[in-house]
Amino acid sequence: MVKLNCYHCGSDRLARNGLTQNDKQRYVCSDCGRTSRDNPQPNGYTEEDRERILRAYHERSSLRGLSRTFGVSRQTVTG
């Protein structure tokens, strides 16, 4: 059996705490009270992708052009 540790404080005192919207097990830490999944994946885009989009933006690319080129929505580029 694999022992999980809290990703926030490192404690091994985790308790099951329901499921996420994607039916992944959620855990709550008994020490810091924060919740996490057993194998969290980073959300959003990599730092490299963000830098490339920002560089293109500074080179005066249009928002629509950026969204087409990088496959992201205009709201993502402006947000």
N, C-alpha and C. Protein backbone atom coordinates (compact mmCIF):
# COMPACT_ATOMS: atom_id res chain seq x y z
N MET A 1 0.83 -1.18 0.00
CA MET A 1 0.00 0.00 0.00
C MET A 1 0.88 1.25 0.00
N VAL A 2 0.52 2.21 -0.83
CA VAL A 2 1.29 3.44 -0.95
C VAL A 2 0.82 4.44 0.09
N LYS A 3 1.75 5.01 0.82
CA LYS A 3 1.44 6.00 1.84
C LYS A 3 1.52 7.39 1.21
N LEU A 4 0.45 8.16 1.31
CA LEU A 4 0.41 9.49 0.73
C LEU A 4 0.83 10.54 1.74
N ASN A 5 1.44 11.59 1.25
CA ASN A 5 1.80 12.74 2.08
C ASN A 5 1.08 13.97 1.56
N CYS A 6 0.82 14.91 2.44
CA CYS A 6 0.19 16.17 2.07
C CYS A 6 1.16 16.96 1.18
N TYR A 7 0.65 17.48 0.07
CA TYR A 7 1.49 18.25 -0.84
C TYR A 7 1.76 19.65 -0.31
N HIS A 8 1.04 20.06 0.71
CA HIS A 8 1.19 21.40 1.24
C HIS A 8 2.14 21.44 2.44
N CYS A 9 1.98 20.50 3.37
CA CYS A 9 2.80 20.54 4.59
C CYS A 9 3.67 19.29 4.77
N GLY A 10 3.46 18.24 3.97
CA GLY A 10 4.28 17.04 4.06
C GLY A 10 3.79 16.01 5.06
N SER A 11 2.72 16.29 5.78
CA SER A 11 2.20 15.36 6.78
C SER A 11 1.68 14.08 6.12
N ASP A 12 1.74 12.97 6.88
CA ASP A 12 1.20 11.72 6.36
C ASP A 12 -0.18 11.42 6.95
N ARG A 13 -0.77 12.39 7.63
CA ARG A 13 -2.09 12.20 8.26
C ARG A 13 -3.18 12.71 7.33
N LEU A 14 -3.49 11.91 6.30
CA LEU A 14 -4.52 12.27 5.33
C LEU A 14 -5.73 11.39 5.51
N ALA A 15 -6.89 11.96 5.29
CA ALA A 15 -8.15 11.21 5.35
C ALA A 15 -8.90 11.43 4.04
N ARG A 16 -9.60 10.41 3.60
CA ARG A 16 -10.39 10.54 2.38
C ARG A 16 -11.48 11.58 2.60
N ASN A 17 -11.74 12.36 1.54
CA ASN A 17 -12.67 13.48 1.67
C ASN A 17 -13.49 13.64 0.39
N GLY A 18 -14.15 12.58 -0.03
CA GLY A 18 -15.01 12.66 -1.20
C GLY A 18 -14.26 12.53 -2.51
N LEU A 19 -14.94 12.93 -3.59
CA LEU A 19 -14.39 12.83 -4.93
C LEU A 19 -14.40 14.19 -5.60
N THR A 20 -13.49 14.38 -6.55
CA THR A 20 -13.48 15.60 -7.35
C THR A 20 -14.54 15.49 -8.43
N GLN A 21 -14.70 16.53 -9.24
CA GLN A 21 -15.67 16.51 -10.34
C GLN A 21 -15.32 15.43 -11.36
N ASN A 22 -14.05 15.05 -11.43
CA ASN A 22 -13.60 14.03 -12.38
C ASN A 22 -13.53 12.65 -11.74
N ASP A 23 -14.21 12.47 -10.62
CA ASP A 23 -14.24 11.20 -9.90
C ASP A 23 -12.87 10.74 -9.42
N LYS A 24 -12.01 11.67 -9.06
CA LYS A 24 -10.71 11.35 -8.45
C LYS A 24 -10.85 11.49 -6.94
N GLN A 25 -10.17 10.64 -6.20
CA GLN A 25 -10.25 10.68 -4.74
C GLN A 25 -9.65 11.97 -4.21
N ARG A 26 -10.34 12.63 -3.30
CA ARG A 26 -9.86 13.84 -2.66
C ARG A 26 -9.50 13.49 -1.22
N TYR A 27 -8.43 14.10 -0.72
CA TYR A 27 -7.96 13.87 0.64
C TYR A 27 -7.89 15.19 1.38
N VAL A 28 -8.09 15.14 2.70
CA VAL A 28 -7.92 16.31 3.54
C VAL A 28 -6.82 16.00 4.55
N CYS A 29 -5.95 16.97 4.79
CA CYS A 29 -4.85 16.81 5.73
C CYS A 29 -5.34 17.11 7.14
N SER A 30 -5.05 16.23 8.08
CA SER A 30 -5.47 16.44 9.46
C SER A 30 -4.64 17.51 10.16
N ASP A 31 -3.45 17.82 9.62
CA ASP A 31 -2.59 18.82 10.25
C ASP A 31 -2.86 20.24 9.76
N CYS A 32 -2.85 20.43 8.43
CA CYS A 32 -3.03 21.79 7.91
C CYS A 32 -4.45 22.06 7.43
N GLY A 33 -5.27 21.01 7.27
CA GLY A 33 -6.67 21.18 6.89
C GLY A 33 -6.91 21.43 5.41
N ARG A 34 -5.86 21.40 4.60
CA ARG A 34 -6.02 21.64 3.17
C ARG A 34 -6.33 20.34 2.45
N THR A 35 -6.95 20.45 1.28
CA THR A 35 -7.32 19.27 0.51
C THR A 35 -6.44 19.14 -0.72
N SER A 36 -6.31 17.91 -1.21
CA SER A 36 -5.57 17.65 -2.44
C SER A 36 -5.97 16.29 -2.97
N ARG A 37 -5.52 16.01 -4.17
CA ARG A 37 -5.74 14.69 -4.77
C ARG A 37 -4.50 13.85 -4.54
N ASP A 38 -4.60 12.56 -4.87
CA ASP A 38 -3.46 11.68 -4.64
C ASP A 38 -2.34 11.92 -5.64
N ASN A 39 -2.65 12.36 -6.85
CA ASN A 39 -1.62 12.63 -7.85
C ASN A 39 -2.02 13.88 -8.63
N PRO A 40 -1.89 15.05 -8.02
CA PRO A 40 -2.36 16.26 -8.70
C PRO A 40 -1.51 16.59 -9.92
N GLN A 41 -2.18 16.99 -10.97
CA GLN A 41 -1.51 17.44 -12.19
C GLN A 41 -1.61 18.95 -12.24
N PRO A 42 -0.58 19.60 -12.75
CA PRO A 42 -0.67 21.06 -12.84
C PRO A 42 -1.77 21.49 -13.80
N ASN A 43 -2.47 22.54 -13.44
CA ASN A 43 -3.52 23.08 -14.29
C ASN A 43 -2.94 24.14 -15.21
N GLY A 44 -3.58 24.32 -16.33
CA GLY A 44 -3.19 25.41 -17.21
C GLY A 44 -2.05 25.06 -18.14
N TYR A 45 -1.26 26.04 -18.44
CA TYR A 45 -0.20 25.93 -19.44
C TYR A 45 1.16 25.95 -18.77
N THR A 46 2.14 25.38 -19.45
CA THR A 46 3.49 25.38 -18.91
C THR A 46 4.06 26.79 -18.95
N GLU A 47 5.07 27.00 -18.17
CA GLU A 47 5.73 28.31 -18.14
C GLU A 47 6.30 28.65 -19.52
N GLU A 48 6.81 27.65 -20.21
CA GLU A 48 7.36 27.85 -21.56
C GLU A 48 6.27 28.33 -22.52
N ASP A 49 5.09 27.70 -22.46
CA ASP A 49 3.98 28.12 -23.32
C ASP A 49 3.56 29.55 -23.01
N ARG A 50 3.48 29.89 -21.75
CA ARG A 50 3.09 31.24 -21.36
C ARG A 50 4.08 32.27 -21.88
N GLU A 51 5.38 31.95 -21.78
CA GLU A 51 6.41 32.87 -22.26
C GLU A 51 6.32 33.06 -23.76
N ARG A 52 6.07 31.98 -24.51
CA ARG A 52 5.95 32.09 -25.97
C ARG A 52 4.76 32.95 -26.35
N ILE A 53 3.63 32.76 -25.69
CA ILE A 53 2.44 33.55 -25.99
C ILE A 53 2.69 35.02 -25.63
N LEU A 54 3.31 35.26 -24.50
CA LEU A 54 3.59 36.64 -24.08
C LEU A 54 4.56 37.32 -25.03
N ARG A 55 5.59 36.59 -25.48
CA ARG A 55 6.54 37.15 -26.45
C ARG A 55 5.82 37.55 -27.74
N ALA A 56 4.95 36.66 -28.23
CA ALA A 56 4.20 36.96 -29.45
C ALA A 56 3.28 38.16 -29.23
N TYR A 57 2.70 38.27 -28.05
CA TYR A 57 1.83 39.40 -27.73
C TYR A 57 2.62 40.71 -27.76
N HIS A 58 3.83 40.69 -27.20
CA HIS A 58 4.67 41.89 -27.19
C HIS A 58 5.17 42.24 -28.58
N GLU A 59 5.15 41.29 -29.49
CA GLU A 59 5.53 41.56 -30.88
C GLU A 59 4.33 42.04 -31.70
N ARG A 60 3.29 42.48 -31.00
CA ARG A 60 2.11 43.10 -31.59
C ARG A 60 1.22 42.13 -32.36
N SER A 61 1.21 40.86 -32.00
CA SER A 61 0.26 39.92 -32.61
C SER A 61 -1.13 40.23 -32.07
N SER A 62 -2.13 40.02 -32.90
CA SER A 62 -3.51 40.26 -32.46
C SER A 62 -3.95 39.14 -31.52
N LEU A 63 -4.96 39.42 -30.71
CA LEU A 63 -5.46 38.40 -29.80
C LEU A 63 -6.05 37.23 -30.57
N ARG A 64 -6.75 37.52 -31.65
CA ARG A 64 -7.30 36.43 -32.47
C ARG A 64 -6.18 35.61 -33.10
N GLY A 65 -5.14 36.30 -33.54
CA GLY A 65 -4.00 35.59 -34.12
C GLY A 65 -3.32 34.70 -33.10
N LEU A 66 -3.17 35.21 -31.89
CA LEU A 66 -2.56 34.40 -30.82
C LEU A 66 -3.41 33.19 -30.51
N SER A 67 -4.72 33.38 -30.44
CA SER A 67 -5.58 32.24 -30.11
C SER A 67 -5.54 31.20 -31.22
N ARG A 68 -5.47 31.63 -32.48
CA ARG A 68 -5.36 30.67 -33.58
C ARG A 68 -4.01 29.97 -33.58
N THR A 69 -2.95 30.73 -33.41
CA THR A 69 -1.59 30.18 -33.48
C THR A 69 -1.32 29.17 -32.37
N PHE A 70 -1.73 29.51 -31.15
CA PHE A 70 -1.39 28.67 -30.00
C PHE A 70 -2.52 27.75 -29.57
N GLY A 71 -3.68 27.87 -30.20
CA GLY A 71 -4.79 26.98 -29.87
C GLY A 71 -5.40 27.24 -28.51
N VAL A 72 -5.39 28.51 -28.09
CA VAL A 72 -6.01 28.89 -26.82
C VAL A 72 -7.12 29.89 -27.10
N SER A 73 -8.03 30.05 -26.16
CA SER A 73 -9.12 31.00 -26.36
C SER A 73 -8.63 32.43 -26.15
N ARG A 74 -9.39 33.38 -26.68
CA ARG A 74 -9.03 34.79 -26.48
C ARG A 74 -9.11 35.16 -25.00
N GLN A 75 -10.05 34.56 -24.28
CA GLN A 75 -10.17 34.84 -22.85
C GLN A 75 -8.91 34.39 -22.11
N THR A 76 -8.31 33.30 -22.56
CA THR A 76 -7.07 32.83 -21.94
C THR A 76 -5.95 33.82 -22.17
N VAL A 77 -5.86 34.36 -23.36
CA VAL A 77 -4.80 35.29 -23.70
C VAL A 77 -4.97 36.60 -22.93
N THR A 78 -6.20 37.08 -22.79
CA THR A 78 -6.41 38.36 -22.11
C THR A 78 -6.48 38.21 -20.60
N GLY A 79 -6.78 37.01 -20.11
CA GLY A 79 -6.95 36.81 -18.67
C GLY A 79 -5.66 36.60 -18.01
